């Protein structure tokens, strides 16, 4: 049994990761590990922010941990919001305000293509590894659906007519950038003898 601490306070992300993990893994949240902290994301790249989270939790607990950072990259916005996705419309981190800002920026744009990118960083017995997952799609004219979180209501992945927010977790995991990064992490751990 491989045991990991997920360096996040985001319940939605935890739910997605738990739904994708097999029986060979147990997942502990920061709260369950006794960490009542908010880890900052001050860096200019997703990888650096993911590493910041994983390193912090591993240092404070002395155990293996992984963190992730995810960005929505919109072609017509020159890759924005990118690493600033969570606070695109301000430090309040309002999903509704963030979506409004993206939609406003796309008014009149012919190209509405976009990509979700997730980088997961793993600290395992002092060694660091990272994994990346992407999902290409496009931004629709307005929010659709009540599931998911963040930009899910305005993003439709290639190969589907539904927004992420119109899908249940099983459907979303067929396309999900986070699931693709997690699959790489899981494959790596299954081929590693360390118990975590």
N, C-alpha and C. Protein backbone atom coordinates (compact mmCIF):
# COMPACT_ATOMS: atom_id res chain seq x y z
N UNK A 1 0.84 -1.19 0.00
CA UNK A 1 0.00 0.00 0.00
C UNK A 1 0.88 1.25 0.00
N UNK A 2 0.70 2.10 -0.99
CA UNK A 2 1.46 3.35 -1.09
C UNK A 2 0.63 4.47 -0.49
N UNK A 3 1.25 5.19 0.46
CA UNK A 3 0.54 6.25 1.17
C UNK A 3 1.15 7.60 0.79
N UNK A 4 0.28 8.54 0.42
CA UNK A 4 0.74 9.86 0.00
C UNK A 4 -0.07 10.95 0.68
N UNK A 5 0.58 12.07 0.91
CA UNK A 5 -0.12 13.28 1.35
C UNK A 5 -0.26 14.19 0.14
N UNK A 6 -1.47 14.66 -0.10
CA UNK A 6 -1.75 15.57 -1.20
C UNK A 6 -1.67 16.99 -0.66
N UNK A 7 -0.74 17.76 -1.17
CA UNK A 7 -0.47 19.10 -0.66
C UNK A 7 -1.45 20.11 -1.23
N UNK A 8 -2.70 20.00 -0.77
CA UNK A 8 -3.73 20.95 -1.21
C UNK A 8 -4.78 21.11 -0.12
N UNK A 9 -5.45 22.25 -0.14
CA UNK A 9 -6.62 22.47 0.70
C UNK A 9 -7.89 22.48 -0.14
N UNK A 10 -7.75 22.18 -1.43
CA UNK A 10 -8.87 22.25 -2.36
C UNK A 10 -9.63 20.93 -2.34
N UNK A 11 -10.83 20.95 -1.77
CA UNK A 11 -11.62 19.72 -1.64
C UNK A 11 -12.01 19.15 -3.00
N UNK A 12 -12.24 20.03 -3.99
CA UNK A 12 -12.63 19.55 -5.32
C UNK A 12 -11.48 18.76 -5.96
N UNK A 13 -10.27 19.28 -5.84
CA UNK A 13 -9.11 18.57 -6.40
C UNK A 13 -8.90 17.24 -5.68
N UNK A 14 -9.07 17.25 -4.36
CA UNK A 14 -8.91 16.01 -3.60
C UNK A 14 -9.92 14.97 -4.04
N UNK A 15 -11.15 15.38 -4.27
CA UNK A 15 -12.20 14.46 -4.71
C UNK A 15 -11.84 13.86 -6.07
N UNK A 16 -11.36 14.70 -6.98
CA UNK A 16 -10.98 14.21 -8.31
C UNK A 16 -9.84 13.21 -8.22
N UNK A 17 -8.82 13.52 -7.42
CA UNK A 17 -7.67 12.63 -7.30
C UNK A 17 -8.08 11.32 -6.65
N UNK A 18 -8.88 11.40 -5.60
CA UNK A 18 -9.33 10.17 -4.91
C UNK A 18 -10.10 9.26 -5.86
N UNK A 19 -10.92 9.89 -6.73
CA UNK A 19 -11.75 9.09 -7.64
C UNK A 19 -10.90 8.35 -8.67
N UNK A 20 -9.69 8.87 -8.91
CA UNK A 20 -8.83 8.27 -9.93
C UNK A 20 -7.81 7.29 -9.35
N UNK A 21 -7.60 7.30 -8.05
CA UNK A 21 -6.61 6.42 -7.43
C UNK A 21 -7.17 5.01 -7.26
N UNK A 22 -6.33 4.04 -7.45
CA UNK A 22 -6.75 2.66 -7.27
C UNK A 22 -6.60 2.21 -5.83
N UNK A 23 -6.91 0.96 -5.59
CA UNK A 23 -6.90 0.41 -4.22
C UNK A 23 -5.49 0.24 -3.67
N UNK A 24 -4.49 0.38 -4.52
CA UNK A 24 -3.11 0.24 -4.05
C UNK A 24 -2.60 1.50 -3.37
N UNK A 25 -3.43 2.54 -3.32
CA UNK A 25 -3.00 3.83 -2.79
C UNK A 25 -3.95 4.32 -1.71
N UNK A 26 -3.39 4.99 -0.72
CA UNK A 26 -4.20 5.74 0.23
C UNK A 26 -3.75 7.19 0.16
N UNK A 27 -4.72 8.08 0.25
CA UNK A 27 -4.46 9.51 0.12
C UNK A 27 -4.84 10.22 1.40
N UNK A 28 -3.95 11.05 1.87
CA UNK A 28 -4.19 11.84 3.07
C UNK A 28 -4.16 13.32 2.69
N UNK A 29 -5.10 14.08 3.20
CA UNK A 29 -5.10 15.52 2.94
C UNK A 29 -4.17 16.22 3.92
N UNK A 30 -3.89 17.46 3.65
CA UNK A 30 -3.07 18.24 4.57
C UNK A 30 -3.73 18.32 5.94
N UNK A 31 -5.03 18.52 5.96
CA UNK A 31 -5.74 18.61 7.25
C UNK A 31 -5.61 17.31 8.02
N UNK A 32 -5.76 16.19 7.33
CA UNK A 32 -5.63 14.89 7.98
C UNK A 32 -4.22 14.66 8.50
N UNK A 33 -3.25 15.29 7.85
CA UNK A 33 -1.86 15.19 8.29
C UNK A 33 -1.52 16.20 9.38
N UNK A 34 -2.53 16.97 9.81
CA UNK A 34 -2.33 17.92 10.90
C UNK A 34 -1.76 19.26 10.47
N UNK A 35 -1.85 19.56 9.17
CA UNK A 35 -1.32 20.82 8.65
C UNK A 35 -2.45 21.79 8.34
N UNK A 36 -2.57 22.81 9.14
CA UNK A 36 -3.59 23.84 8.93
C UNK A 36 -2.89 25.09 8.40
N UNK A 37 -2.40 24.99 7.17
CA UNK A 37 -1.66 26.09 6.57
C UNK A 37 -2.13 26.32 5.14
N UNK A 38 -1.86 27.49 4.63
CA UNK A 38 -2.14 27.81 3.23
C UNK A 38 -0.80 28.05 2.56
N UNK A 39 -0.42 27.19 1.65
CA UNK A 39 0.89 27.30 1.00
C UNK A 39 0.78 28.28 -0.16
N UNK A 40 1.61 29.31 -0.18
CA UNK A 40 1.54 30.31 -1.25
C UNK A 40 1.97 29.74 -2.59
N UNK A 41 1.54 30.43 -3.66
CA UNK A 41 1.91 30.07 -5.03
C UNK A 41 2.58 31.28 -5.67
N UNK A 42 3.79 31.63 -5.25
CA UNK A 42 4.41 32.87 -5.67
C UNK A 42 5.20 32.80 -6.96
N UNK A 43 5.33 31.61 -7.52
CA UNK A 43 6.28 31.41 -8.60
C UNK A 43 5.68 31.65 -9.99
N UNK A 44 6.52 31.87 -10.99
CA UNK A 44 6.03 32.18 -12.34
C UNK A 44 5.68 30.96 -13.19
N UNK A 45 5.89 29.74 -12.67
CA UNK A 45 5.55 28.54 -13.44
C UNK A 45 4.73 27.58 -12.59
N UNK A 46 3.95 26.74 -13.26
CA UNK A 46 3.16 25.72 -12.58
C UNK A 46 4.06 24.75 -11.84
N UNK A 47 5.17 24.36 -12.47
CA UNK A 47 6.08 23.41 -11.85
C UNK A 47 6.64 23.94 -10.54
N UNK A 48 7.09 25.18 -10.53
CA UNK A 48 7.67 25.74 -9.31
C UNK A 48 6.64 25.81 -8.19
N UNK A 49 5.40 26.16 -8.52
CA UNK A 49 4.35 26.21 -7.51
C UNK A 49 4.02 24.82 -6.98
N UNK A 50 3.96 23.84 -7.88
CA UNK A 50 3.69 22.46 -7.45
C UNK A 50 4.80 21.95 -6.54
N UNK A 51 6.04 22.26 -6.89
CA UNK A 51 7.17 21.85 -6.06
C UNK A 51 7.14 22.54 -4.70
N UNK A 52 6.76 23.81 -4.67
CA UNK A 52 6.67 24.54 -3.41
C UNK A 52 5.73 23.83 -2.44
N UNK A 53 4.60 23.38 -2.95
CA UNK A 53 3.61 22.70 -2.11
C UNK A 53 4.14 21.35 -1.63
N UNK A 54 4.66 20.55 -2.55
CA UNK A 54 5.14 19.22 -2.18
C UNK A 54 6.31 19.31 -1.21
N UNK A 55 7.25 20.22 -1.47
CA UNK A 55 8.41 20.37 -0.58
C UNK A 55 7.98 20.81 0.81
N UNK A 56 7.04 21.74 0.88
CA UNK A 56 6.60 22.25 2.18
C UNK A 56 5.98 21.14 3.02
N UNK A 57 5.09 20.37 2.43
CA UNK A 57 4.41 19.31 3.16
C UNK A 57 5.39 18.20 3.53
N UNK A 58 6.27 17.83 2.62
CA UNK A 58 7.26 16.80 2.93
C UNK A 58 8.19 17.24 4.06
N UNK A 59 8.57 18.50 4.05
CA UNK A 59 9.46 19.03 5.10
C UNK A 59 8.77 19.04 6.46
N UNK A 60 7.52 19.43 6.48
CA UNK A 60 6.79 19.57 7.75
C UNK A 60 6.35 18.23 8.33
N UNK A 61 6.17 17.23 7.48
CA UNK A 61 5.68 15.93 7.95
C UNK A 61 6.77 14.85 7.97
N UNK A 62 7.83 15.07 7.19
CA UNK A 62 8.86 14.04 7.07
C UNK A 62 8.41 12.84 6.27
N UNK A 63 7.38 13.04 5.45
CA UNK A 63 6.81 11.94 4.66
C UNK A 63 6.69 12.33 3.20
N UNK A 64 6.39 11.36 2.36
CA UNK A 64 6.23 11.62 0.94
C UNK A 64 4.98 12.46 0.69
N UNK A 65 5.09 13.36 -0.26
CA UNK A 65 3.96 14.24 -0.56
C UNK A 65 4.01 14.64 -2.03
N UNK A 66 2.84 14.99 -2.54
CA UNK A 66 2.83 15.56 -3.88
C UNK A 66 1.89 16.77 -3.90
N UNK A 67 2.23 17.71 -4.77
CA UNK A 67 1.41 18.90 -4.96
C UNK A 67 1.16 19.09 -6.44
N UNK A 68 0.22 19.95 -6.74
CA UNK A 68 -0.04 20.22 -8.15
C UNK A 68 -0.43 21.67 -8.34
N UNK A 69 -0.23 22.15 -9.55
CA UNK A 69 -0.74 23.46 -9.93
C UNK A 69 -1.30 23.32 -11.34
N UNK A 70 -2.41 23.99 -11.56
CA UNK A 70 -3.11 23.87 -12.83
C UNK A 70 -3.39 25.24 -13.39
N UNK A 71 -3.25 25.37 -14.70
CA UNK A 71 -3.55 26.62 -15.35
C UNK A 71 -4.40 26.41 -16.59
N UNK A 72 -5.26 27.38 -16.87
CA UNK A 72 -6.00 27.43 -18.13
C UNK A 72 -5.25 28.37 -19.06
N UNK A 73 -4.90 27.88 -20.23
CA UNK A 73 -4.14 28.67 -21.19
C UNK A 73 -5.02 28.90 -22.42
N UNK A 74 -5.39 30.15 -22.64
CA UNK A 74 -6.30 30.52 -23.73
C UNK A 74 -5.48 31.14 -24.86
N UNK A 75 -5.60 30.57 -26.04
CA UNK A 75 -4.77 30.99 -27.17
C UNK A 75 -4.91 32.47 -27.47
N UNK A 76 -6.14 32.96 -27.58
CA UNK A 76 -6.38 34.35 -27.96
C UNK A 76 -5.97 35.33 -26.87
N UNK A 77 -5.73 34.83 -25.66
CA UNK A 77 -5.27 35.67 -24.55
C UNK A 77 -3.78 35.48 -24.32
N UNK A 78 -3.08 35.00 -25.36
CA UNK A 78 -1.63 34.78 -25.29
C UNK A 78 -1.22 33.86 -24.13
N UNK A 79 -2.04 32.86 -23.89
CA UNK A 79 -1.74 31.88 -22.85
C UNK A 79 -2.25 32.22 -21.47
N UNK A 80 -2.85 33.38 -21.31
CA UNK A 80 -3.47 33.75 -20.04
C UNK A 80 -4.76 32.95 -19.86
N UNK A 81 -5.21 32.78 -18.61
CA UNK A 81 -4.62 33.23 -17.35
C UNK A 81 -3.40 32.42 -16.88
N UNK A 82 -3.19 31.22 -17.41
CA UNK A 82 -1.99 30.47 -17.10
C UNK A 82 -1.76 30.24 -15.62
N UNK A 83 -0.55 30.55 -15.17
CA UNK A 83 -0.18 30.31 -13.77
C UNK A 83 -1.00 31.18 -12.81
N UNK A 84 -1.63 32.22 -13.32
CA UNK A 84 -2.46 33.10 -12.49
C UNK A 84 -3.93 32.69 -12.50
N UNK A 85 -4.25 31.50 -12.98
CA UNK A 85 -5.64 31.10 -13.18
C UNK A 85 -6.51 31.26 -11.95
N UNK A 86 -6.03 30.86 -10.78
CA UNK A 86 -6.85 30.91 -9.56
C UNK A 86 -7.19 32.34 -9.14
N UNK A 87 -6.31 33.29 -9.49
CA UNK A 87 -6.53 34.67 -9.06
C UNK A 87 -6.49 35.64 -10.24
N UNK A 88 -7.00 35.18 -11.37
CA UNK A 88 -6.97 35.98 -12.60
C UNK A 88 -7.70 37.30 -12.45
N UNK A 89 -8.81 37.29 -11.73
CA UNK A 89 -9.60 38.51 -11.54
C UNK A 89 -9.34 39.15 -10.18
N UNK A 90 -8.32 38.70 -9.46
CA UNK A 90 -8.00 39.30 -8.17
C UNK A 90 -7.73 38.25 -7.11
N UNK A 91 -7.19 38.70 -5.99
CA UNK A 91 -6.78 37.79 -4.91
C UNK A 91 -7.95 37.10 -4.22
N UNK A 92 -9.18 37.56 -4.47
CA UNK A 92 -10.36 36.92 -3.86
C UNK A 92 -10.58 35.51 -4.40
N UNK A 93 -9.94 35.19 -5.52
CA UNK A 93 -10.04 33.86 -6.12
C UNK A 93 -11.49 33.45 -6.41
N UNK A 94 -12.23 34.35 -7.02
CA UNK A 94 -13.61 34.08 -7.37
C UNK A 94 -13.69 33.41 -8.73
N UNK A 95 -14.23 32.19 -8.76
CA UNK A 95 -14.35 31.46 -10.02
C UNK A 95 -15.24 32.21 -11.00
N UNK A 96 -16.33 32.80 -10.48
CA UNK A 96 -17.25 33.53 -11.34
C UNK A 96 -16.58 34.75 -11.96
N UNK A 97 -15.83 35.50 -11.15
CA UNK A 97 -15.13 36.68 -11.66
C UNK A 97 -14.04 36.28 -12.65
N UNK A 98 -13.34 35.19 -12.37
CA UNK A 98 -12.31 34.70 -13.28
C UNK A 98 -12.90 34.33 -14.64
N UNK A 99 -14.03 33.63 -14.62
CA UNK A 99 -14.68 33.25 -15.88
C UNK A 99 -15.16 34.47 -16.64
N UNK A 100 -15.73 35.43 -15.93
CA UNK A 100 -16.20 36.67 -16.59
C UNK A 100 -15.05 37.38 -17.28
N UNK A 101 -13.88 37.42 -16.63
CA UNK A 101 -12.73 38.11 -17.22
C UNK A 101 -12.26 37.40 -18.49
N UNK A 102 -12.25 36.06 -18.47
CA UNK A 102 -11.87 35.30 -19.66
C UNK A 102 -12.87 35.55 -20.78
N UNK A 103 -14.15 35.47 -20.47
CA UNK A 103 -15.18 35.66 -21.50
C UNK A 103 -15.14 37.08 -22.07
N UNK A 104 -14.89 38.06 -21.22
CA UNK A 104 -14.77 39.43 -21.69
C UNK A 104 -13.58 39.58 -22.63
N UNK A 105 -12.49 38.95 -22.28
CA UNK A 105 -11.30 39.03 -23.11
C UNK A 105 -11.46 38.34 -24.46
N UNK A 106 -12.42 37.42 -24.55
CA UNK A 106 -12.65 36.68 -25.79
C UNK A 106 -13.76 37.27 -26.65
N UNK A 107 -14.36 38.36 -26.22
CA UNK A 107 -15.43 38.97 -27.01
C UNK A 107 -14.91 39.34 -28.40
N UNK A 108 -15.57 38.80 -29.41
CA UNK A 108 -15.18 39.08 -30.79
C UNK A 108 -14.05 38.21 -31.31
N UNK A 109 -13.51 37.34 -30.48
CA UNK A 109 -12.38 36.49 -30.90
C UNK A 109 -12.88 35.31 -31.73
N UNK A 110 -12.25 35.07 -32.87
CA UNK A 110 -12.61 33.94 -33.71
C UNK A 110 -12.03 32.64 -33.16
N UNK A 111 -10.87 32.74 -32.56
CA UNK A 111 -10.19 31.56 -32.01
C UNK A 111 -10.48 31.47 -30.52
N UNK A 112 -11.22 30.44 -30.13
CA UNK A 112 -11.57 30.25 -28.72
C UNK A 112 -10.89 29.00 -28.15
N UNK A 113 -9.84 28.54 -28.81
CA UNK A 113 -9.14 27.35 -28.35
C UNK A 113 -8.42 27.62 -27.03
N UNK A 114 -8.32 26.58 -26.23
CA UNK A 114 -7.70 26.69 -24.91
C UNK A 114 -7.17 25.34 -24.48
N UNK A 115 -6.38 25.36 -23.43
CA UNK A 115 -5.79 24.14 -22.92
C UNK A 115 -5.70 24.22 -21.41
N UNK A 116 -6.10 23.16 -20.73
CA UNK A 116 -5.84 23.02 -19.31
C UNK A 116 -4.52 22.27 -19.17
N UNK A 117 -3.64 22.77 -18.28
CA UNK A 117 -2.37 22.10 -18.04
C UNK A 117 -2.19 21.89 -16.53
N UNK A 118 -1.90 20.67 -16.13
CA UNK A 118 -1.62 20.34 -14.74
C UNK A 118 -0.20 19.82 -14.61
N UNK A 119 0.52 20.33 -13.63
CA UNK A 119 1.83 19.81 -13.29
C UNK A 119 1.77 19.27 -11.87
N UNK A 120 2.14 18.01 -11.70
CA UNK A 120 2.21 17.40 -10.37
C UNK A 120 3.67 17.19 -10.00
N UNK A 121 4.01 17.56 -8.78
CA UNK A 121 5.37 17.40 -8.27
C UNK A 121 5.33 16.44 -7.09
N UNK A 122 6.22 15.48 -7.09
CA UNK A 122 6.30 14.46 -6.05
C UNK A 122 7.64 14.55 -5.33
N UNK A 123 7.57 14.59 -3.99
CA UNK A 123 8.78 14.49 -3.18
C UNK A 123 8.74 13.13 -2.50
N UNK A 124 9.67 12.27 -2.88
CA UNK A 124 9.69 10.88 -2.43
C UNK A 124 11.06 10.59 -1.84
N UNK A 125 11.10 10.44 -0.52
CA UNK A 125 12.36 10.18 0.19
C UNK A 125 13.45 11.18 -0.21
N UNK A 126 13.06 12.44 -0.30
CA UNK A 126 14.01 13.50 -0.59
C UNK A 126 14.29 13.71 -2.07
N UNK A 127 13.79 12.82 -2.91
CA UNK A 127 13.96 12.98 -4.36
C UNK A 127 12.72 13.62 -4.97
N UNK A 128 12.92 14.40 -6.03
CA UNK A 128 11.82 15.14 -6.64
C UNK A 128 11.57 14.67 -8.06
N UNK A 129 10.29 14.55 -8.39
CA UNK A 129 9.88 14.12 -9.71
C UNK A 129 8.67 14.97 -10.12
N UNK A 130 8.45 15.12 -11.41
CA UNK A 130 7.25 15.85 -11.82
C UNK A 130 6.63 15.22 -13.05
N UNK A 131 5.32 15.46 -13.21
CA UNK A 131 4.51 14.85 -14.25
C UNK A 131 3.54 15.90 -14.77
N UNK A 132 3.25 15.85 -16.06
CA UNK A 132 2.39 16.88 -16.65
C UNK A 132 1.27 16.25 -17.46
N UNK A 133 0.07 16.83 -17.33
CA UNK A 133 -1.07 16.40 -18.12
C UNK A 133 -1.74 17.59 -18.77
N UNK A 134 -2.19 17.42 -20.01
CA UNK A 134 -2.85 18.51 -20.72
C UNK A 134 -4.19 18.03 -21.27
N UNK A 135 -5.08 18.97 -21.45
CA UNK A 135 -6.36 18.71 -22.10
C UNK A 135 -6.69 19.89 -22.99
N UNK A 136 -6.82 19.64 -24.29
CA UNK A 136 -7.13 20.69 -25.24
C UNK A 136 -8.64 20.78 -25.47
N UNK A 137 -9.11 21.98 -25.74
CA UNK A 137 -10.52 22.19 -25.97
C UNK A 137 -10.78 23.62 -26.39
N UNK A 138 -11.97 24.13 -26.03
CA UNK A 138 -12.30 25.51 -26.37
C UNK A 138 -13.20 26.12 -25.30
N UNK A 139 -13.25 27.44 -25.31
CA UNK A 139 -14.07 28.20 -24.37
C UNK A 139 -15.42 28.51 -25.02
N UNK A 140 -16.49 28.16 -24.33
CA UNK A 140 -17.84 28.43 -24.85
C UNK A 140 -18.28 29.83 -24.48
N UNK A 141 -19.45 30.25 -24.99
CA UNK A 141 -19.89 31.64 -24.84
C UNK A 141 -20.30 32.01 -23.41
N UNK A 142 -20.69 31.01 -22.63
CA UNK A 142 -21.11 31.28 -21.26
C UNK A 142 -21.12 30.01 -20.44
N UNK A 143 -21.21 30.13 -19.11
CA UNK A 143 -21.15 28.96 -18.24
C UNK A 143 -22.26 27.96 -18.52
N UNK A 144 -21.90 26.68 -18.46
CA UNK A 144 -22.85 25.59 -18.65
C UNK A 144 -22.56 24.50 -17.64
N UNK A 145 -23.59 24.07 -16.92
CA UNK A 145 -23.44 22.97 -15.98
C UNK A 145 -23.18 23.42 -14.56
N UNK A 146 -23.42 22.50 -13.62
CA UNK A 146 -23.31 22.82 -12.19
C UNK A 146 -22.29 21.94 -11.47
N UNK A 147 -21.58 21.07 -12.21
CA UNK A 147 -20.57 20.22 -11.58
C UNK A 147 -19.21 20.93 -11.65
N UNK A 148 -18.19 20.25 -11.14
CA UNK A 148 -16.84 20.77 -11.28
C UNK A 148 -16.57 22.03 -10.48
N UNK A 149 -15.54 22.75 -10.90
CA UNK A 149 -15.14 23.96 -10.19
C UNK A 149 -14.26 24.80 -11.11
N UNK A 150 -13.88 25.97 -10.66
CA UNK A 150 -13.00 26.83 -11.44
C UNK A 150 -13.60 27.19 -12.79
N UNK A 151 -12.85 26.95 -13.85
CA UNK A 151 -13.28 27.31 -15.20
C UNK A 151 -14.07 26.20 -15.87
N UNK A 152 -14.39 25.13 -15.16
CA UNK A 152 -15.08 23.99 -15.76
C UNK A 152 -16.34 24.35 -16.54
N UNK A 153 -17.16 25.32 -16.06
CA UNK A 153 -18.40 25.60 -16.79
C UNK A 153 -18.20 26.22 -18.17
N UNK A 154 -17.02 26.77 -18.47
CA UNK A 154 -16.85 27.41 -19.77
C UNK A 154 -15.86 26.66 -20.68
N UNK A 155 -15.40 25.49 -20.24
CA UNK A 155 -14.42 24.72 -21.02
C UNK A 155 -15.03 23.43 -21.52
N UNK A 156 -14.98 23.23 -22.84
CA UNK A 156 -15.41 21.97 -23.46
C UNK A 156 -14.18 21.29 -24.05
N UNK A 157 -13.85 20.08 -23.59
CA UNK A 157 -12.66 19.39 -24.11
C UNK A 157 -12.90 18.87 -25.52
N UNK A 158 -11.82 18.79 -26.30
CA UNK A 158 -11.91 18.18 -27.63
C UNK A 158 -12.44 16.77 -27.50
N UNK A 159 -13.37 16.42 -28.39
CA UNK A 159 -13.96 15.08 -28.36
C UNK A 159 -15.26 15.01 -27.59
N UNK A 160 -15.71 16.14 -27.05
CA UNK A 160 -16.97 16.17 -26.30
C UNK A 160 -17.77 17.40 -26.68
N UNK A 161 -19.07 17.33 -26.43
CA UNK A 161 -19.93 18.50 -26.61
C UNK A 161 -20.34 19.08 -25.25
N UNK A 162 -19.91 18.43 -24.17
CA UNK A 162 -20.25 18.86 -22.82
C UNK A 162 -19.11 19.67 -22.21
N UNK A 163 -19.47 20.66 -21.42
CA UNK A 163 -18.45 21.34 -20.62
C UNK A 163 -18.05 20.41 -19.48
N UNK A 164 -16.88 20.67 -18.88
CA UNK A 164 -16.48 19.88 -17.72
C UNK A 164 -17.54 19.94 -16.62
N UNK A 165 -18.22 21.06 -16.49
CA UNK A 165 -19.22 21.22 -15.42
C UNK A 165 -20.52 20.50 -15.72
N UNK A 166 -20.66 19.98 -16.95
CA UNK A 166 -21.84 19.17 -17.30
C UNK A 166 -21.54 17.68 -17.18
N UNK A 167 -20.32 17.34 -16.76
CA UNK A 167 -19.92 15.94 -16.63
C UNK A 167 -19.86 15.51 -15.17
N UNK A 168 -20.09 14.21 -14.94
CA UNK A 168 -19.77 13.67 -13.63
C UNK A 168 -18.28 13.34 -13.61
N UNK A 169 -17.77 12.91 -12.46
CA UNK A 169 -16.33 12.69 -12.33
C UNK A 169 -15.82 11.60 -13.28
N UNK A 170 -16.61 10.56 -13.46
CA UNK A 170 -16.19 9.48 -14.35
C UNK A 170 -16.03 9.99 -15.78
N UNK A 171 -16.99 10.80 -16.22
CA UNK A 171 -16.91 11.37 -17.56
C UNK A 171 -15.72 12.33 -17.67
N UNK A 172 -15.56 13.20 -16.68
CA UNK A 172 -14.48 14.18 -16.72
C UNK A 172 -13.12 13.50 -16.76
N UNK A 173 -12.96 12.40 -16.03
CA UNK A 173 -11.68 11.72 -15.96
C UNK A 173 -11.25 11.11 -17.29
N UNK A 174 -12.19 10.98 -18.24
CA UNK A 174 -11.81 10.49 -19.57
C UNK A 174 -11.01 11.53 -20.33
N UNK A 175 -11.15 12.78 -19.95
CA UNK A 175 -10.49 13.88 -20.65
C UNK A 175 -9.48 14.62 -19.78
N UNK A 176 -9.64 14.53 -18.48
CA UNK A 176 -9.01 15.44 -17.53
C UNK A 176 -7.49 15.50 -17.58
N UNK A 177 -6.98 16.72 -17.65
CA UNK A 177 -5.57 17.04 -17.53
C UNK A 177 -5.01 16.55 -16.20
N UNK A 178 -5.78 16.71 -15.12
CA UNK A 178 -5.33 16.29 -13.80
C UNK A 178 -5.22 14.76 -13.75
N UNK A 179 -6.18 14.08 -14.34
CA UNK A 179 -6.15 12.61 -14.39
C UNK A 179 -4.95 12.13 -15.20
N UNK A 180 -4.61 12.82 -16.28
CA UNK A 180 -3.49 12.41 -17.12
C UNK A 180 -2.16 12.57 -16.38
N UNK A 181 -2.02 13.65 -15.63
CA UNK A 181 -0.81 13.83 -14.81
C UNK A 181 -0.76 12.79 -13.71
N UNK A 182 -1.92 12.54 -13.09
CA UNK A 182 -1.98 11.56 -12.00
C UNK A 182 -1.66 10.16 -12.50
N UNK A 183 -2.12 9.81 -13.69
CA UNK A 183 -1.82 8.49 -14.25
C UNK A 183 -0.32 8.27 -14.37
N UNK A 184 0.39 9.33 -14.76
CA UNK A 184 1.86 9.22 -14.86
C UNK A 184 2.49 9.02 -13.49
N UNK A 185 1.99 9.78 -12.50
CA UNK A 185 2.51 9.65 -11.14
C UNK A 185 2.25 8.25 -10.59
N UNK A 186 1.04 7.73 -10.83
CA UNK A 186 0.69 6.40 -10.35
C UNK A 186 1.57 5.34 -11.01
N UNK A 187 1.76 5.45 -12.32
CA UNK A 187 2.60 4.50 -13.04
C UNK A 187 4.02 4.51 -12.50
N UNK A 188 4.52 5.71 -12.20
CA UNK A 188 5.86 5.84 -11.64
C UNK A 188 5.94 5.14 -10.28
N UNK A 189 4.96 5.38 -9.42
CA UNK A 189 4.98 4.81 -8.08
C UNK A 189 4.83 3.29 -8.12
N UNK A 190 4.04 2.78 -9.04
CA UNK A 190 3.86 1.34 -9.12
C UNK A 190 5.16 0.63 -9.52
N UNK A 191 6.05 1.38 -10.14
CA UNK A 191 7.33 0.81 -10.56
C UNK A 191 8.46 1.21 -9.63
N UNK A 192 8.07 1.78 -8.48
CA UNK A 192 9.05 2.20 -7.47
C UNK A 192 8.84 1.37 -6.21
N UNK A 193 9.87 0.89 -5.63
CA UNK A 193 9.75 -0.01 -4.47
C UNK A 193 9.46 0.72 -3.18
N UNK A 194 9.64 2.06 -3.17
CA UNK A 194 9.43 2.82 -1.93
C UNK A 194 7.97 2.78 -1.51
N UNK A 195 7.66 2.53 -0.21
CA UNK A 195 6.27 2.48 0.24
C UNK A 195 5.63 3.84 0.39
N UNK A 196 6.38 4.94 0.29
CA UNK A 196 5.80 6.27 0.36
C UNK A 196 5.77 6.86 1.72
